PDB file of N, CA and C in Angstrom:
ATOM      1  N   UNK A   1      71.997 122.598  85.933  1.00  0.00           N
ATOM      2  CA  UNK A   1      70.948 121.622  86.156  1.00  0.00           C
ATOM      3  C   UNK A   1      69.644 122.309  86.556  1.00  0.00           C
ATOM      4  N   UNK A   2      69.356 123.368  85.878  1.00  0.00           N
ATOM      5  CA  UNK A   2      68.132 124.105  86.140  1.00  0.00           C
ATOM      6  C   UNK A   2      66.917 123.259  85.775  1.00  0.00           C
ATOM      7  N   UNK A   3      65.871 123.374  86.583  1.00  0.00           N
ATOM      8  CA  UNK A   3      64.637 122.671  86.301  1.00  0.00           C
ATOM      9  C   UNK A   3      64.639 121.206  86.681  1.00  0.00           C
ATOM     10  N   UNK A   4      65.706 120.728  87.284  1.00  0.00           N
ATOM     11  CA  UNK A   4      65.808 119.325  87.673  1.00  0.00           C
ATOM     12  C   UNK A   4      65.397 119.189  89.138  1.00  0.00           C
ATOM     13  N   UNK A   5      64.661 118.147  89.445  1.00  0.00           N
ATOM     14  CA  UNK A   5      64.273 117.863  90.822  1.00  0.00           C
ATOM     15  C   UNK A   5      65.491 117.290  91.551  1.00  0.00           C
ATOM     16  N   UNK A   6      66.244 118.172  92.197  1.00  0.00           N
ATOM     17  CA  UNK A   6      67.499 117.788  92.843  1.00  0.00           C
ATOM     18  C   UNK A   6      67.268 116.730  93.916  1.00  0.00           C
ATOM     19  N   UNK A   7      66.196 116.856  94.673  1.00  0.00           N
ATOM     20  CA  UNK A   7      65.911 115.863  95.720  1.00  0.00           C
ATOM     21  C   UNK A   7      65.704 114.482  95.105  1.00  0.00           C
ATOM     22  N   UNK A   8      65.004 114.415  93.984  1.00  0.00           N
ATOM     23  CA  UNK A   8      64.768 113.129  93.325  1.00  0.00           C
ATOM     24  C   UNK A   8      66.057 112.567  92.735  1.00  0.00           C
ATOM     25  N   UNK A   9      66.909 113.447  92.183  1.00  0.00           N
ATOM     26  CA  UNK A   9      68.210 113.009  91.652  1.00  0.00           C
ATOM     27  C   UNK A   9      69.054 112.438  92.787  1.00  0.00           C
ATOM     28  N   UNK A  10      69.071 113.113  93.922  1.00  0.00           N
ATOM     29  CA  UNK A  10      69.870 112.629  95.060  1.00  0.00           C
ATOM     30  C   UNK A  10      69.319 111.319  95.602  1.00  0.00           C
ATOM     31  N   UNK A  11      68.002 111.176  95.605  1.00  0.00           N
ATOM     32  CA  UNK A  11      67.404 109.923  96.068  1.00  0.00           C
ATOM     33  C   UNK A  11      67.783 108.772  95.130  1.00  0.00           C
ATOM     34  N   UNK A  12      67.707 109.009  93.822  1.00  0.00           N
ATOM     35  CA  UNK A  12      68.097 107.988  92.860  1.00  0.00           C
ATOM     36  C   UNK A  12      69.592 107.673  92.982  1.00  0.00           C
ATOM     37  N   UNK A  13      70.399 108.685  93.214  1.00  0.00           N
ATOM     38  CA  UNK A  13      71.829 108.477  93.413  1.00  0.00           C
ATOM     39  C   UNK A  13      72.084 107.587  94.624  1.00  0.00           C
ATOM     40  N   UNK A  14      71.330 107.832  95.666  1.00  0.00           N
ATOM     41  CA  UNK A  14      71.449 107.018  96.890  1.00  0.00           C
ATOM     42  C   UNK A  14      71.089 105.567  96.586  1.00  0.00           C
ATOM     43  N   UNK A  15      70.055 105.356  95.768  1.00  0.00           N
ATOM     44  CA  UNK A  15      69.624 104.001  95.417  1.00  0.00           C
ATOM     45  C   UNK A  15      70.663 103.304  94.548  1.00  0.00           C
ATOM     46  N   UNK A  16      71.129 103.998  93.512  1.00  0.00           N
ATOM     47  CA  UNK A  16      72.042 103.397  92.538  1.00  0.00           C
ATOM     48  C   UNK A  16      73.476 103.304  93.049  1.00  0.00           C
ATOM     49  N   UNK A  17      73.953 104.369  93.691  1.00  0.00           N
ATOM     50  CA  UNK A  17      75.360 104.446  94.085  1.00  0.00           C
ATOM     51  C   UNK A  17      75.605 104.343  95.584  1.00  0.00           C
ATOM     52  N   UNK A  18      74.542 104.438  96.384  1.00  0.00           N
ATOM     53  CA  UNK A  18      74.723 104.435  97.835  1.00  0.00           C
ATOM     54  C   UNK A  18      75.308 105.747  98.337  1.00  0.00           C
ATOM     55  N   UNK A  19      75.138 106.807  97.555  1.00  0.00           N
ATOM     56  CA  UNK A  19      75.719 108.103  97.883  1.00  0.00           C
ATOM     57  C   UNK A  19      74.864 109.195  97.245  1.00  0.00           C
ATOM     58  N   UNK A  20      74.604 110.265  97.962  1.00  0.00           N
ATOM     59  CA  UNK A  20      73.662 111.299  97.506  1.00  0.00           C
ATOM     60  C   UNK A  20      74.106 112.111  96.294  1.00  0.00           C
ATOM     61  N   UNK A  21      75.371 112.390  96.142  1.00  0.00           N
ATOM     62  CA  UNK A  21      75.805 113.391  95.169  1.00  0.00           C
ATOM     63  C   UNK A  21      76.435 112.839  93.892  1.00  0.00           C
ATOM     64  N   UNK A  22      76.687 111.552  93.797  1.00  0.00           N
ATOM     65  CA  UNK A  22      77.434 111.044  92.637  1.00  0.00           C
ATOM     66  C   UNK A  22      76.694 111.278  91.320  1.00  0.00           C
ATOM     67  N   UNK A  23      75.417 110.981  91.268  1.00  0.00           N
ATOM     68  CA  UNK A  23      74.665 111.184  90.028  1.00  0.00           C
ATOM     69  C   UNK A  23      74.588 112.667  89.679  1.00  0.00           C
ATOM     70  N   UNK A  24      74.323 113.488  90.648  1.00  0.00           N
ATOM     71  CA  UNK A  24      74.254 114.937  90.428  1.00  0.00           C
ATOM     72  C   UNK A  24      75.600 115.460  89.909  1.00  0.00           C
ATOM     73  N   UNK A  25      76.672 114.960  90.456  1.00  0.00           N
ATOM     74  CA  UNK A  25      78.014 115.342  90.028  1.00  0.00           C
ATOM     75  C   UNK A  25      78.268 114.910  88.585  1.00  0.00           C
ATOM     76  N   UNK A  26      77.889 113.690  88.263  1.00  0.00           N
ATOM     77  CA  UNK A  26      78.066 113.206  86.892  1.00  0.00           C
ATOM     78  C   UNK A  26      77.256 114.041  85.906  1.00  0.00           C
ATOM     79  N   UNK A  27      76.060 114.416  86.305  1.00  0.00           N
ATOM     80  CA  UNK A  27      75.228 115.246  85.437  1.00  0.00           C
ATOM     81  C   UNK A  27      75.832 116.634  85.243  1.00  0.00           C
ATOM     82  N   UNK A  28      76.412 117.176  86.291  1.00  0.00           N
ATOM     83  CA  UNK A  28      77.057 118.494  86.186  1.00  0.00           C
ATOM     84  C   UNK A  28      78.249 118.425  85.242  1.00  0.00           C
ATOM     85  N   UNK A  29      79.027 117.372  85.346  1.00  0.00           N
ATOM     86  CA  UNK A  29      80.184 117.209  84.459  1.00  0.00           C
ATOM     87  C   UNK A  29      79.694 117.086  83.020  1.00  0.00           C
ATOM     88  N   UNK A  30      78.647 116.321  82.836  1.00  0.00           N
ATOM     89  CA  UNK A  30      78.074 116.138  81.493  1.00  0.00           C
ATOM     90  C   UNK A  30      77.551 117.473  80.946  1.00  0.00           C
ATOM     91  N   UNK A  31      76.869 118.229  81.780  1.00  0.00           N
ATOM     92  CA  UNK A  31      76.278 119.503  81.366  1.00  0.00           C
ATOM     93  C   UNK A  31      77.349 120.522  80.994  1.00  0.00           C
ATOM     94  N   UNK A  32      78.450 120.551  81.752  1.00  0.00           N
ATOM     95  CA  UNK A  32      79.524 121.506  81.463  1.00  0.00           C
ATOM     96  C   UNK A  32      80.163 121.251  80.101  1.00  0.00           C
ATOM     97  N   UNK A  33      80.174 119.996  79.679  1.00  0.00           N
ATOM     98  CA  UNK A  33      80.779 119.589  78.417  1.00  0.00           C
ATOM     99  C   UNK A  33      82.195 120.133  78.257  1.00  0.00           C
ATOM    100  N   UNK A  34      82.920 120.124  79.347  1.00  0.00           N
ATOM    101  CA  UNK A  34      84.319 120.558  79.330  1.00  0.00           C
ATOM    102  C   UNK A  34      85.206 119.317  79.314  1.00  0.00           C
ATOM    103  N   UNK A  35      86.385 119.462  78.765  1.00  0.00           N
ATOM    104  CA  UNK A  35      87.341 118.357  78.781  1.00  0.00           C
ATOM    105  C   UNK A  35      88.152 118.343  80.064  1.00  0.00           C
ATOM    106  N   UNK A  36      88.145 119.464  80.784  1.00  0.00           N
ATOM    107  CA  UNK A  36      88.888 119.598  82.036  1.00  0.00           C
ATOM    108  C   UNK A  36      87.972 120.226  83.070  1.00  0.00           C
ATOM    109  N   UNK A  37      87.962 119.667  84.285  1.00  0.00           N
ATOM    110  CA  UNK A  37      87.126 120.196  85.364  1.00  0.00           C
ATOM    111  C   UNK A  37      87.948 120.298  86.647  1.00  0.00           C
ATOM    112  N   UNK A  38      87.436 121.082  87.584  1.00  0.00           N
ATOM    113  CA  UNK A  38      88.004 121.120  88.928  1.00  0.00           C
ATOM    114  C   UNK A  38      86.873 120.844  89.912  1.00  0.00           C
ATOM    115  N   UNK A  39      87.221 120.328  91.046  1.00  0.00           N
ATOM    116  CA  UNK A  39      86.226 120.045  92.072  1.00  0.00           C
ATOM    117  C   UNK A  39      85.556 121.338  92.523  1.00  0.00           C
ATOM    118  N   UNK A  40      86.316 122.400  92.648  1.00  0.00           N
ATOM    119  CA  UNK A  40      85.769 123.683  93.084  1.00  0.00           C
ATOM    120  C   UNK A  40      84.722 124.239  92.136  1.00  0.00           C
ATOM    121  N   UNK A  41      84.998 124.173  90.835  1.00  0.00           N
ATOM    122  CA  UNK A  41      84.016 124.703  89.879  1.00  0.00           C
ATOM    123  C   UNK A  41      82.745 123.863  89.869  1.00  0.00           C
ATOM    124  N   UNK A  42      82.882 122.574  90.102  1.00  0.00           N
ATOM    125  CA  UNK A  42      81.695 121.716  90.164  1.00  0.00           C
ATOM    126  C   UNK A  42      80.867 122.022  91.411  1.00  0.00           C
ATOM    127  N   UNK A  43      81.544 122.277  92.524  1.00  0.00           N
ATOM    128  CA  UNK A  43      80.829 122.639  93.755  1.00  0.00           C
ATOM    129  C   UNK A  43      80.059 123.937  93.564  1.00  0.00           C
ATOM    130  N   UNK A  44      80.675 124.888  92.891  1.00  0.00           N
ATOM    131  CA  UNK A  44      79.993 126.158  92.615  1.00  0.00           C
ATOM    132  C   UNK A  44      78.791 125.921  91.705  1.00  0.00           C
ATOM    133  N   UNK A  45      78.969 125.125  90.656  1.00  0.00           N
ATOM    134  CA  UNK A  45      77.876 124.853  89.716  1.00  0.00           C
ATOM    135  C   UNK A  45      76.694 124.176  90.403  1.00  0.00           C
ATOM    136  N   UNK A  46      76.994 123.303  91.366  1.00  0.00           N
ATOM    137  CA  UNK A  46      75.931 122.568  92.056  1.00  0.00           C
ATOM    138  C   UNK A  46      75.437 123.275  93.318  1.00  0.00           C
ATOM    139  N   UNK A  47      76.146 124.345  93.696  1.00  0.00           N
ATOM    140  CA  UNK A  47      75.798 125.109  94.902  1.00  0.00           C
ATOM    141  C   UNK A  47      75.819 124.236  96.158  1.00  0.00           C
ATOM    142  N   UNK A  48      76.857 123.415  96.261  1.00  0.00           N
ATOM    143  CA  UNK A  48      77.068 122.588  97.455  1.00  0.00           C
ATOM    144  C   UNK A  48      78.515 122.745  97.899  1.00  0.00           C
ATOM    145  N   UNK A  49      78.794 122.467  99.165  1.00  0.00           N
ATOM    146  CA  UNK A  49      80.178 122.572  99.630  1.00  0.00           C
ATOM    147  C   UNK A  49      81.083 121.533  98.954  1.00  0.00           C
ATOM    148  N   UNK A  50      82.326 121.901  98.734  1.00  0.00           N
ATOM    149  CA  UNK A  50      83.309 120.979  98.163  1.00  0.00           C
ATOM    150  C   UNK A  50      83.351 119.688  98.965  1.00  0.00           C
ATOM    151  N   UNK A  51      83.248 119.785 100.279  1.00  0.00           N
ATOM    152  CA  UNK A  51      83.335 118.599 101.130  1.00  0.00           C
ATOM    153  C   UNK A  51      82.239 117.575 100.818  1.00  0.00           C
ATOM    154  N   UNK A  52      81.093 118.031 100.330  1.00  0.00           N
ATOM    155  CA  UNK A  52      80.004 117.111  99.978  1.00  0.00           C
ATOM    156  C   UNK A  52      80.319 116.325  98.707  1.00  0.00           C
ATOM    157  N   UNK A  53      81.195 116.882  97.882  1.00  0.00           N
ATOM    158  CA  UNK A  53      81.502 116.251  96.598  1.00  0.00           C
ATOM    159  C   UNK A  53      82.803 115.463  96.585  1.00  0.00           C
ATOM    160  N   UNK A  54      83.622 115.607  97.618  1.00  0.00           N
ATOM    161  CA  UNK A  54      84.941 114.978  97.591  1.00  0.00           C
ATOM    162  C   UNK A  54      84.882 113.466  97.402  1.00  0.00           C
ATOM    163  N   UNK A  55      84.062 112.787  98.179  1.00  0.00           N
ATOM    164  CA  UNK A  55      84.001 111.330  98.092  1.00  0.00           C
ATOM    165  C   UNK A  55      83.481 110.859  96.734  1.00  0.00           C
ATOM    166  N   UNK A  56      82.331 111.392  96.254  1.00  0.00           N
ATOM    167  CA  UNK A  56      81.880 110.933  94.936  1.00  0.00           C
ATOM    168  C   UNK A  56      82.830 111.342  93.810  1.00  0.00           C
ATOM    169  N   UNK A  57      83.452 112.499  93.935  1.00  0.00           N
ATOM    170  CA  UNK A  57      84.404 112.954  92.924  1.00  0.00           C
ATOM    171  C   UNK A  57      85.581 111.987  92.835  1.00  0.00           C
ATOM    172  N   UNK A  58      86.136 111.632  93.976  1.00  0.00           N
ATOM    173  CA  UNK A  58      87.291 110.731  93.974  1.00  0.00           C
ATOM    174  C   UNK A  58      86.903 109.315  93.558  1.00  0.00           C
ATOM    175  N   UNK A  59      85.642 108.956  93.727  1.00  0.00           N
ATOM    176  CA  UNK A  59      85.168 107.671  93.203  1.00  0.00           C
ATOM    177  C   UNK A  59      85.200 107.681  91.681  1.00  0.00           C
ATOM    178  N   UNK A  60      84.847 108.806  91.091  1.00  0.00           N
ATOM    179  CA  UNK A  60      84.909 108.929  89.634  1.00  0.00           C
ATOM    180  C   UNK A  60      86.357 108.892  89.141  1.00  0.00           C
ATOM    181  N   UNK A  61      87.267 109.429  89.935  1.00  0.00           N
ATOM    182  CA  UNK A  61      88.696 109.350  89.596  1.00  0.00           C
ATOM    183  C   UNK A  61      89.145 107.891  89.650  1.00  0.00           C
ATOM    184  N   UNK A  62      88.794 107.199  90.743  1.00  0.00           N
ATOM    185  CA  UNK A  62      89.198 105.787  90.890  1.00  0.00           C
ATOM    186  C   UNK A  62      88.594 104.917  89.789  1.00  0.00           C
ATOM    187  N   UNK A  63      87.417 105.287  89.302  1.00  0.00           N
ATOM    188  CA  UNK A  63      86.764 104.527  88.230  1.00  0.00           C
ATOM    189  C   UNK A  63      87.357 104.845  86.858  1.00  0.00           C
ATOM    190  N   UNK A  64      88.230 105.835  86.791  1.00  0.00           N
ATOM    191  CA  UNK A  64      88.855 106.199  85.525  1.00  0.00           C
ATOM    192  C   UNK A  64      88.025 107.148  84.672  1.00  0.00           C
ATOM    193  N   UNK A  65      86.951 107.680  85.238  1.00  0.00           N
ATOM    194  CA  UNK A  65      86.121 108.621  84.489  1.00  0.00           C
ATOM    195  C   UNK A  65      86.699 110.029  84.520  1.00  0.00           C
ATOM    196  N   UNK A  66      87.506 110.310  85.528  1.00  0.00           N
ATOM    197  CA  UNK A  66      88.247 111.570  85.641  1.00  0.00           C
ATOM    198  C   UNK A  66      89.706 111.210  85.842  1.00  0.00           C
ATOM    199  N   UNK A  67      90.587 111.967  85.200  1.00  0.00           N
ATOM    200  CA  UNK A  67      92.017 111.689  85.285  1.00  0.00           C
ATOM    201  C   UNK A  67      92.758 112.915  85.796  1.00  0.00           C
ATOM    202  N   UNK A  68      93.528 112.770  86.885  1.00  0.00           N
ATOM    203  CA  UNK A  68      94.303 113.923  87.371  1.00  0.00           C
ATOM    204  C   UNK A  68      95.289 114.393  86.302  1.00  0.00           C
ATOM    205  N   UNK A  69      95.354 115.692  86.124  1.00  0.00           N
ATOM    206  CA  UNK A  69      96.281 116.267  85.164  1.00  0.00           C
ATOM    207  C   UNK A  69      97.493 116.822  85.907  1.00  0.00           C
ATOM    208  N   UNK A  70      98.619 116.950  85.236  1.00  0.00           N
ATOM    209  CA  UNK A  70      99.814 117.482  85.897  1.00  0.00           C
ATOM    210  C   UNK A  70      99.543 118.845  86.530  1.00  0.00           C
ATOM    211  N   UNK A  71     100.115 119.056  87.692  1.00  0.00           N
ATOM    212  CA  UNK A  71      99.918 120.298  88.432  1.00  0.00           C
ATOM    213  C   UNK A  71     100.750 121.416  87.823  1.00  0.00           C
ATOM    214  N   UNK A  72     100.189 122.613  87.850  1.00  0.00           N
ATOM    215  CA  UNK A  72     100.947 123.780  87.398  1.00  0.00           C
ATOM    216  C   UNK A  72     101.284 124.672  88.592  1.00  0.00           C
ATOM    217  N   UNK A  73     101.340 124.062  89.760  1.00  0.00           N
ATOM    218  CA  UNK A  73     101.639 124.740  91.023  1.00  0.00           C
ATOM    219  C   UNK A  73     100.548 125.712  91.460  1.00  0.00           C
ATOM    220  N   UNK A  74      99.383 125.671  90.827  1.00  0.00           N
ATOM    221  CA  UNK A  74      98.284 126.506  91.293  1.00  0.00           C
ATOM    222  C   UNK A  74      97.587 125.786  92.435  1.00  0.00           C
ATOM    223  N   UNK A  75      96.697 126.452  93.066  1.00  0.00           N
ATOM    224  CA  UNK A  75      95.971 125.843  94.177  1.00  0.00           C
ATOM    225  C   UNK A  75      94.889 124.896  93.691  1.00  0.00           C
ATOM    226  N   UNK A  76      94.527 125.015  92.415  1.00  0.00           N
ATOM    227  CA  UNK A  76      93.481 124.155  91.874  1.00  0.00           C
ATOM    228  C   UNK A  76      94.081 122.921  91.222  1.00  0.00           C
ATOM    229  N   UNK A  77      93.387 121.799  91.382  1.00  0.00           N
ATOM    230  CA  UNK A  77      93.789 120.551  90.754  1.00  0.00           C
ATOM    231  C   UNK A  77      92.837 120.292  89.600  1.00  0.00           C
ATOM    232  N   UNK A  78      93.378 120.086  88.419  1.00  0.00           N
ATOM    233  CA  UNK A  78      92.582 119.882  87.230  1.00  0.00           C
ATOM    234  C   UNK A  78      92.473 118.397  86.902  1.00  0.00           C
ATOM    235  N   UNK A  79      91.315 118.018  86.361  1.00  0.00           N
ATOM    236  CA  UNK A  79      91.047 116.627  86.004  1.00  0.00           C
ATOM    237  C   UNK A  79      90.498 116.576  84.584  1.00  0.00           C
ATOM    238  N   UNK A  80      91.019 115.652  83.801  1.00  0.00           N
ATOM    239  CA  UNK A  80      90.491 115.425  82.469  1.00  0.00           C
ATOM    240  C   UNK A  80      89.261 114.537  82.549  1.00  0.00           C
ATOM    241  N   UNK A  81      88.297 114.802  81.698  1.00  0.00           N
ATOM    242  CA  UNK A  81      87.071 114.018  81.647  1.00  0.00           C
ATOM    243  C   UNK A  81      87.224 112.953  80.565  1.00  0.00           C
ATOM    244  N   UNK A  82      87.166 111.693  80.973  1.00  0.00           N
ATOM    245  CA  UNK A  82      87.317 110.588  80.034  1.00  0.00           C
ATOM    246  C   UNK A  82      86.051 110.418  79.196  1.00  0.00           C
ATOM    247  N   UNK A  83      86.232 110.027  77.971  1.00  0.00           N
ATOM    248  CA  UNK A  83      85.083 109.686  77.131  1.00  0.00           C
ATOM    249  C   UNK A  83      84.559 108.343  77.633  1.00  0.00           C
ATOM    250  N   UNK A  84      83.269 108.300  77.925  1.00  0.00           N
ATOM    251  CA  UNK A  84      82.687 107.076  78.470  1.00  0.00           C
ATOM    252  C   UNK A  84      81.174 107.096  78.310  1.00  0.00           C
ATOM    253  N   UNK A  85      80.614 105.929  78.131  1.00  0.00           N
ATOM    254  CA  UNK A  85      79.154 105.780  78.087  1.00  0.00           C
ATOM    255  C   UNK A  85      78.543 106.041  79.464  1.00  0.00           C
ATOM    256  N   UNK A  86      79.365 106.088  80.494  1.00  0.00           N
ATOM    257  CA  UNK A  86      78.864 106.347  81.854  1.00  0.00           C
ATOM    258  C   UNK A  86      78.171 107.698  81.936  1.00  0.00           C
ATOM    259  N   UNK A  87      78.670 108.692  81.202  1.00  0.00           N
ATOM    260  CA  UNK A  87      78.057 110.020  81.214  1.00  0.00           C
ATOM    261  C   UNK A  87      76.669 109.962  80.563  1.00  0.00           C
ATOM    262  N   UNK A  88      76.540 109.172  79.494  1.00  0.00           N
ATOM    263  CA  UNK A  88      75.233 108.977  78.856  1.00  0.00           C
ATOM    264  C   UNK A  88      74.270 108.266  79.807  1.00  0.00           C
ATOM    265  N   UNK A  89      74.794 107.283  80.518  1.00  0.00           N
ATOM    266  CA  UNK A  89      73.974 106.518  81.453  1.00  0.00           C
ATOM    267  C   UNK A  89      73.455 107.419  82.574  1.00  0.00           C
ATOM    268  N   UNK A  90      74.299 108.313  83.060  1.00  0.00           N
ATOM    269  CA  UNK A  90      73.863 109.256  84.104  1.00  0.00           C
ATOM    270  C   UNK A  90      72.714 110.106  83.585  1.00  0.00           C
ATOM    271  N   UNK A  91      72.838 110.552  82.358  1.00  0.00           N
ATOM    272  CA  UNK A  91      71.777 111.357  81.756  1.00  0.00           C
ATOM    273  C   UNK A  91      70.493 110.532  81.591  1.00  0.00           C
ATOM    274  N   UNK A  92      70.650 109.275  81.225  1.00  0.00           N
ATOM    275  CA  UNK A  92      69.488 108.392  81.093  1.00  0.00           C
ATOM    276  C   UNK A  92      68.785 108.225  82.440  1.00  0.00           C
ATOM    277  N   UNK A  93      69.561 108.060  83.498  1.00  0.00           N
ATOM    278  CA  UNK A  93      68.969 107.946  84.839  1.00  0.00           C
ATOM    279  C   UNK A  93      68.191 109.213  85.190  1.00  0.00           C
ATOM    280  N   UNK A  94      68.762 110.359  84.892  1.00  0.00           N
ATOM    281  CA  UNK A  94      68.090 111.630  85.189  1.00  0.00           C
ATOM    282  C   UNK A  94      66.790 111.752  84.408  1.00  0.00           C
ATOM    283  N   UNK A  95      66.770 111.278  83.186  1.00  0.00           N
ATOM    284  CA  UNK A  95      65.556 111.328  82.382  1.00  0.00           C
ATOM    285  C   UNK A  95      64.459 110.463  83.002  1.00  0.00           C
ATOM    286  N   UNK A  96      64.847 109.391  83.650  1.00  0.00           N
ATOM    287  CA  UNK A  96      63.867 108.546  84.340  1.00  0.00           C
ATOM    288  C   UNK A  96      63.208 109.330  85.481  1.00  0.00           C
ATOM    289  N   UNK A  97      63.999 110.139  86.162  1.00  0.00           N
ATOM    290  CA  UNK A  97      63.456 110.975  87.240  1.00  0.00           C
ATOM    291  C   UNK A  97      62.474 111.972  86.645  1.00  0.00           C
ATOM    292  N   UNK A  98      62.857 112.606  85.544  1.00  0.00           N
ATOM    293  CA  UNK A  98      62.009 113.605  84.911  1.00  0.00           C
ATOM    294  C   UNK A  98      60.706 112.996  84.402  1.00  0.00           C
ATOM    295  N   UNK A  99      60.798 111.780  83.838  1.00  0.00           N
ATOM    296  CA  UNK A  99      59.591 111.158  83.276  1.00  0.00           C
ATOM    297  C   UNK A  99      58.654 110.623  84.353  1.00  0.00           C
ATOM    298  N   UNK A 100      59.161 110.414  85.561  1.00  0.00           N
ATOM    299  CA  UNK A 100      58.309 109.924  86.641  1.00  0.00           C
ATOM    300  C   UNK A 100      57.728 111.066  87.480  1.00  0.00           C
ATOM    301  N   UNK A 101      58.104 112.303  87.170  1.00  0.00           N
ATOM    302  CA  UNK A 101      57.586 113.456  87.901  1.00  0.00           C
ATOM    303  C   UNK A 101      56.119 113.650  87.572  1.00  0.00           C
ATOM    304  N   UNK A 102      55.329 114.079  88.588  1.00  0.00           N
ATOM    305  CA  UNK A 102      53.894 114.261  88.345  1.00  0.00           C
ATOM    306  C   UNK A 102      53.598 115.408  87.412  1.00  0.00           C
TER     307      UNK A 102
END
């Protein structure tokens, strides 16, 4: 998410979702374009602690946008990324932030 006004994304996330990191998280998932993600790799990509992403991440799981995959006994938990217009919508929201920048 290079070149993105992170503060503005978090503010919009707070307005839309009532939570600072959900939109940023959705954008990171969209940007990775992976079919499988882990919470740890997303935290690294966003340069925030895992604890900051746990609640919004699990909200995406509860919404069916991420699906837990069977464990292979590793320490990492993998999640499948569901095909959904929600990822497009997140990108559309981010574009609104970019277009309103001075």
